[in-house]
């Protein structure tokens, strides 16, 4: 997803907060979420390690419900999100489910 601001606004404390918020939105532990912040406005990519107690499809459904609009994502994550979050489930053997901005 794309957020307003600059990459420098997302220090380690903000990344930890985002990890916790995304984990809560996905219904997984924060330890299973990795945050990457890159320039492009502020492009946020979250990679979620799906626990064995659920499925990637279930996590994707939960994220779509929790972060399905820019407004909902802004409220849940505490940052101004300017694009609709896009959830993608990776194939087995590939990296875990990701939350990123559409290309």
N, C-alpha and C. Protein backbone atom coordinates (compact mmCIF):
# COMPACT_ATOMS: atom_id res chain seq x y z
N UNK A 1 0.85 -1.17 0.00
CA UNK A 1 0.00 0.00 0.00
C UNK A 1 0.89 1.22 0.00
N UNK A 2 0.38 2.32 -0.41
CA UNK A 2 1.12 3.57 -0.44
C UNK A 2 0.58 4.48 0.64
N UNK A 3 1.48 5.07 1.41
CA UNK A 3 1.11 5.98 2.48
C UNK A 3 1.67 7.36 2.18
N UNK A 4 1.09 8.36 2.80
CA UNK A 4 1.61 9.71 2.61
C UNK A 4 2.84 9.91 3.49
N UNK A 5 3.61 10.93 3.20
CA UNK A 5 4.81 11.22 3.97
C UNK A 5 6.05 10.85 3.20
N UNK A 6 7.14 10.71 3.93
CA UNK A 6 8.40 10.31 3.30
C UNK A 6 8.95 9.10 4.04
N UNK A 7 9.87 8.41 3.39
CA UNK A 7 10.45 7.20 3.98
C UNK A 7 11.05 7.51 5.35
N UNK A 8 11.63 8.68 5.51
CA UNK A 8 12.25 9.04 6.79
C UNK A 8 11.24 9.14 7.94
N UNK A 9 9.95 9.26 7.61
CA UNK A 9 8.91 9.29 8.66
C UNK A 9 8.73 7.92 9.31
N UNK A 10 9.24 6.88 8.68
CA UNK A 10 9.02 5.51 9.13
C UNK A 10 10.28 4.95 9.78
N UNK A 11 10.56 5.46 10.99
CA UNK A 11 11.71 4.97 11.75
C UNK A 11 11.39 3.59 12.33
N UNK A 12 12.31 3.03 13.08
CA UNK A 12 12.13 1.68 13.62
C UNK A 12 10.90 1.59 14.52
N UNK A 13 10.65 2.62 15.30
CA UNK A 13 9.47 2.62 16.18
C UNK A 13 8.19 2.55 15.36
N UNK A 14 8.13 3.31 14.27
CA UNK A 14 6.94 3.30 13.40
C UNK A 14 6.79 1.95 12.72
N UNK A 15 7.91 1.34 12.30
CA UNK A 15 7.85 0.02 11.67
C UNK A 15 7.32 -1.03 12.65
N UNK A 16 7.77 -0.96 13.90
CA UNK A 16 7.29 -1.90 14.92
C UNK A 16 5.79 -1.72 15.12
N UNK A 17 5.34 -0.47 15.16
CA UNK A 17 3.91 -0.19 15.30
C UNK A 17 3.13 -0.73 14.11
N UNK A 18 3.64 -0.53 12.91
CA UNK A 18 2.98 -1.06 11.70
C UNK A 18 2.91 -2.58 11.72
N UNK A 19 4.02 -3.23 12.13
CA UNK A 19 4.02 -4.70 12.22
C UNK A 19 2.91 -5.17 13.13
N UNK A 20 2.80 -4.53 14.30
CA UNK A 20 1.77 -4.92 15.27
C UNK A 20 0.37 -4.69 14.70
N UNK A 21 0.17 -3.56 14.04
CA UNK A 21 -1.14 -3.24 13.49
C UNK A 21 -1.52 -4.18 12.35
N UNK A 22 -0.59 -4.49 11.48
CA UNK A 22 -0.86 -5.40 10.37
C UNK A 22 -1.10 -6.81 10.90
N UNK A 23 -0.32 -7.22 11.89
CA UNK A 23 -0.53 -8.54 12.49
C UNK A 23 -1.92 -8.63 13.10
N UNK A 24 -2.33 -7.58 13.82
CA UNK A 24 -3.66 -7.57 14.42
C UNK A 24 -4.74 -7.63 13.34
N UNK A 25 -4.54 -6.89 12.26
CA UNK A 25 -5.52 -6.90 11.16
C UNK A 25 -5.59 -8.25 10.48
N UNK A 26 -4.46 -8.97 10.45
CA UNK A 26 -4.40 -10.28 9.79
C UNK A 26 -4.76 -11.42 10.73
N UNK A 27 -4.76 -11.15 12.04
CA UNK A 27 -5.03 -12.20 13.01
C UNK A 27 -3.86 -13.15 13.19
N UNK A 28 -2.64 -12.61 13.06
CA UNK A 28 -1.43 -13.42 13.24
C UNK A 28 -0.53 -12.72 14.26
N UNK A 29 0.53 -13.41 14.68
CA UNK A 29 1.50 -12.83 15.61
C UNK A 29 2.38 -11.82 14.89
N UNK A 30 2.75 -10.74 15.58
CA UNK A 30 3.61 -9.70 14.99
C UNK A 30 4.96 -10.27 14.56
N UNK A 31 5.43 -11.31 15.23
CA UNK A 31 6.71 -11.92 14.87
C UNK A 31 6.69 -12.50 13.46
N UNK A 32 5.51 -12.76 12.93
CA UNK A 32 5.39 -13.31 11.59
C UNK A 32 5.24 -12.28 10.49
N UNK A 33 5.37 -10.99 10.85
CA UNK A 33 5.18 -9.91 9.87
C UNK A 33 6.50 -9.18 9.67
N UNK A 34 6.87 -8.99 8.42
CA UNK A 34 8.06 -8.23 8.05
C UNK A 34 7.59 -6.98 7.30
N UNK A 35 8.16 -5.83 7.65
CA UNK A 35 7.79 -4.56 7.02
C UNK A 35 8.97 -4.05 6.19
N UNK A 36 8.69 -3.64 4.97
CA UNK A 36 9.68 -3.00 4.12
C UNK A 36 9.11 -1.66 3.68
N UNK A 37 9.87 -0.60 3.86
CA UNK A 37 9.45 0.74 3.46
C UNK A 37 10.38 1.20 2.34
N UNK A 38 9.81 1.60 1.20
CA UNK A 38 10.61 2.08 0.07
C UNK A 38 10.00 3.35 -0.48
N UNK A 39 10.82 4.07 -1.21
CA UNK A 39 10.35 5.30 -1.85
C UNK A 39 9.41 4.96 -2.99
N UNK A 40 8.46 5.79 -3.24
CA UNK A 40 7.42 5.70 -4.26
C UNK A 40 6.23 6.31 -3.56
N UNK A 41 6.36 7.56 -3.19
CA UNK A 41 5.64 8.15 -2.07
C UNK A 41 6.21 7.37 -0.90
N UNK A 42 5.43 6.60 -0.21
CA UNK A 42 5.93 5.67 0.79
C UNK A 42 5.24 4.34 0.52
N UNK A 43 5.97 3.42 -0.06
CA UNK A 43 5.43 2.11 -0.40
C UNK A 43 5.68 1.16 0.77
N UNK A 44 4.61 0.63 1.34
CA UNK A 44 4.72 -0.29 2.47
C UNK A 44 4.40 -1.69 1.97
N UNK A 45 5.33 -2.60 2.19
CA UNK A 45 5.12 -4.01 1.86
C UNK A 45 5.24 -4.80 3.15
N UNK A 46 4.22 -5.56 3.48
CA UNK A 46 4.25 -6.42 4.65
C UNK A 46 4.21 -7.86 4.17
N UNK A 47 5.15 -8.66 4.62
CA UNK A 47 5.19 -10.07 4.31
C UNK A 47 4.78 -10.81 5.58
N UNK A 48 3.79 -11.67 5.46
CA UNK A 48 3.23 -12.35 6.63
C UNK A 48 3.51 -13.84 6.53
N UNK A 49 4.16 -14.38 7.55
CA UNK A 49 4.36 -15.82 7.66
C UNK A 49 3.07 -16.40 8.23
N UNK A 50 2.36 -17.16 7.44
CA UNK A 50 1.06 -17.69 7.86
C UNK A 50 1.29 -18.88 8.80
N UNK A 51 0.75 -18.77 10.02
CA UNK A 51 0.94 -19.87 10.97
C UNK A 51 0.20 -21.14 10.53
N UNK A 52 0.65 -22.27 11.02
CA UNK A 52 0.06 -23.55 10.65
C UNK A 52 -1.39 -23.68 11.12
N UNK A 53 -1.81 -22.83 12.05
CA UNK A 53 -3.16 -22.90 12.59
C UNK A 53 -4.21 -22.28 11.68
N UNK A 54 -3.78 -21.70 10.56
CA UNK A 54 -4.71 -21.08 9.62
C UNK A 54 -4.23 -21.32 8.20
N UNK A 55 -4.86 -20.69 7.24
CA UNK A 55 -4.47 -20.86 5.84
C UNK A 55 -4.17 -19.49 5.23
N UNK A 56 -3.39 -19.45 4.18
CA UNK A 56 -3.15 -18.16 3.50
C UNK A 56 -4.45 -17.50 3.04
N UNK A 57 -5.40 -18.29 2.55
CA UNK A 57 -6.67 -17.73 2.09
C UNK A 57 -7.43 -17.08 3.25
N UNK A 58 -7.39 -17.70 4.43
CA UNK A 58 -8.07 -17.13 5.60
C UNK A 58 -7.42 -15.82 6.01
N UNK A 59 -6.10 -15.76 5.99
CA UNK A 59 -5.39 -14.52 6.33
C UNK A 59 -5.72 -13.44 5.30
N UNK A 60 -5.76 -13.81 4.03
CA UNK A 60 -6.08 -12.85 2.98
C UNK A 60 -7.50 -12.30 3.18
N UNK A 61 -8.44 -13.15 3.52
CA UNK A 61 -9.82 -12.71 3.76
C UNK A 61 -9.88 -11.77 4.95
N UNK A 62 -9.16 -12.11 6.02
CA UNK A 62 -9.13 -11.26 7.22
C UNK A 62 -8.54 -9.90 6.89
N UNK A 63 -7.44 -9.88 6.14
CA UNK A 63 -6.82 -8.61 5.76
C UNK A 63 -7.74 -7.79 4.87
N UNK A 64 -8.41 -8.43 3.94
CA UNK A 64 -9.32 -7.70 3.06
C UNK A 64 -10.45 -7.06 3.85
N UNK A 65 -10.92 -7.74 4.89
CA UNK A 65 -11.96 -7.18 5.75
C UNK A 65 -11.43 -6.02 6.58
N UNK A 66 -10.23 -6.18 7.12
CA UNK A 66 -9.66 -5.18 8.03
C UNK A 66 -9.05 -3.98 7.31
N UNK A 67 -8.43 -4.23 6.16
CA UNK A 67 -7.68 -3.18 5.46
C UNK A 67 -8.17 -3.00 4.02
N UNK A 68 -9.42 -3.27 3.77
CA UNK A 68 -9.95 -3.30 2.41
C UNK A 68 -10.06 -1.98 1.69
N UNK A 69 -10.02 -0.88 2.42
CA UNK A 69 -10.07 0.44 1.79
C UNK A 69 -8.92 1.28 2.34
N UNK A 70 -8.59 2.33 1.64
CA UNK A 70 -7.54 3.24 2.13
C UNK A 70 -7.93 3.82 3.48
N UNK A 71 -9.21 4.17 3.64
CA UNK A 71 -9.68 4.74 4.91
C UNK A 71 -9.57 3.73 6.05
N UNK A 72 -10.00 2.50 5.80
CA UNK A 72 -9.92 1.46 6.84
C UNK A 72 -8.47 1.17 7.20
N UNK A 73 -7.61 1.09 6.20
CA UNK A 73 -6.19 0.84 6.45
C UNK A 73 -5.57 2.00 7.23
N UNK A 74 -5.95 3.23 6.89
CA UNK A 74 -5.44 4.40 7.60
C UNK A 74 -5.80 4.34 9.08
N UNK A 75 -7.04 4.00 9.36
CA UNK A 75 -7.50 3.89 10.74
C UNK A 75 -6.79 2.76 11.47
N UNK A 76 -6.72 1.60 10.86
CA UNK A 76 -6.13 0.43 11.51
C UNK A 76 -4.63 0.56 11.73
N UNK A 77 -3.94 1.23 10.80
CA UNK A 77 -2.48 1.28 10.86
C UNK A 77 -1.93 2.56 11.46
N UNK A 78 -2.76 3.58 11.58
CA UNK A 78 -2.30 4.83 12.17
C UNK A 78 -1.41 5.65 11.26
N UNK A 79 -1.51 5.43 9.97
CA UNK A 79 -0.80 6.24 8.97
C UNK A 79 -1.82 6.59 7.89
N UNK A 80 -1.55 7.63 7.13
CA UNK A 80 -2.46 7.99 6.06
C UNK A 80 -2.14 7.15 4.83
N UNK A 81 -3.02 6.22 4.53
CA UNK A 81 -2.87 5.34 3.38
C UNK A 81 -3.59 5.99 2.20
N UNK A 82 -2.92 6.09 1.07
CA UNK A 82 -3.48 6.80 -0.08
C UNK A 82 -3.85 5.88 -1.24
N UNK A 83 -3.61 4.58 -1.10
CA UNK A 83 -4.03 3.63 -2.13
C UNK A 83 -4.70 2.46 -1.44
N UNK A 84 -5.56 1.78 -2.18
CA UNK A 84 -6.22 0.61 -1.62
C UNK A 84 -5.18 -0.50 -1.44
N UNK A 85 -5.07 -1.05 -0.22
CA UNK A 85 -4.13 -2.14 -0.02
C UNK A 85 -4.47 -3.34 -0.90
N UNK A 86 -3.45 -4.00 -1.38
CA UNK A 86 -3.60 -5.16 -2.24
C UNK A 86 -2.98 -6.36 -1.54
N UNK A 87 -3.77 -7.40 -1.33
CA UNK A 87 -3.22 -8.61 -0.72
C UNK A 87 -2.98 -9.65 -1.79
N UNK A 88 -1.84 -10.32 -1.68
CA UNK A 88 -1.45 -11.34 -2.64
C UNK A 88 -1.00 -12.56 -1.86
N UNK A 89 -1.51 -13.72 -2.23
CA UNK A 89 -1.07 -14.97 -1.61
C UNK A 89 -0.05 -15.61 -2.54
N UNK A 90 1.14 -15.85 -1.99
CA UNK A 90 2.21 -16.46 -2.79
C UNK A 90 1.99 -17.96 -2.88
N UNK A 91 2.51 -18.55 -3.94
CA UNK A 91 2.41 -19.99 -4.15
C UNK A 91 3.26 -20.73 -3.13
N UNK A 92 2.94 -22.00 -2.85
CA UNK A 92 3.77 -22.78 -1.92
C UNK A 92 5.23 -22.77 -2.34
N UNK A 93 6.10 -22.62 -1.37
CA UNK A 93 7.52 -22.57 -1.64
C UNK A 93 8.01 -21.17 -1.96
N UNK A 94 7.10 -20.27 -2.24
CA UNK A 94 7.45 -18.87 -2.50
C UNK A 94 7.34 -18.11 -1.18
N UNK A 95 7.70 -16.82 -1.16
CA UNK A 95 7.56 -16.05 0.08
C UNK A 95 6.10 -16.05 0.56
N UNK A 96 5.89 -15.85 1.87
CA UNK A 96 4.52 -15.85 2.42
C UNK A 96 3.66 -14.73 1.85
N UNK A 97 2.40 -14.72 2.27
CA UNK A 97 1.44 -13.71 1.81
C UNK A 97 1.98 -12.31 2.03
N UNK A 98 1.70 -11.41 1.08
CA UNK A 98 2.19 -10.05 1.15
C UNK A 98 1.04 -9.06 1.06
N UNK A 99 1.28 -7.89 1.61
CA UNK A 99 0.35 -6.78 1.49
C UNK A 99 1.14 -5.66 0.87
N UNK A 100 0.78 -5.24 -0.34
CA UNK A 100 1.53 -4.21 -1.01
C UNK A 100 0.62 -3.39 -1.91
N UNK A 101 1.18 -2.35 -2.47
CA UNK A 101 0.42 -1.48 -3.36
C UNK A 101 0.31 -2.11 -4.74
N UNK A 102 -0.81 -1.91 -5.43
CA UNK A 102 -0.91 -2.39 -6.81
C UNK A 102 0.08 -1.64 -7.70
N UNK A 103 0.54 -2.31 -8.72
CA UNK A 103 1.52 -1.70 -9.62
C UNK A 103 0.83 -0.84 -10.63
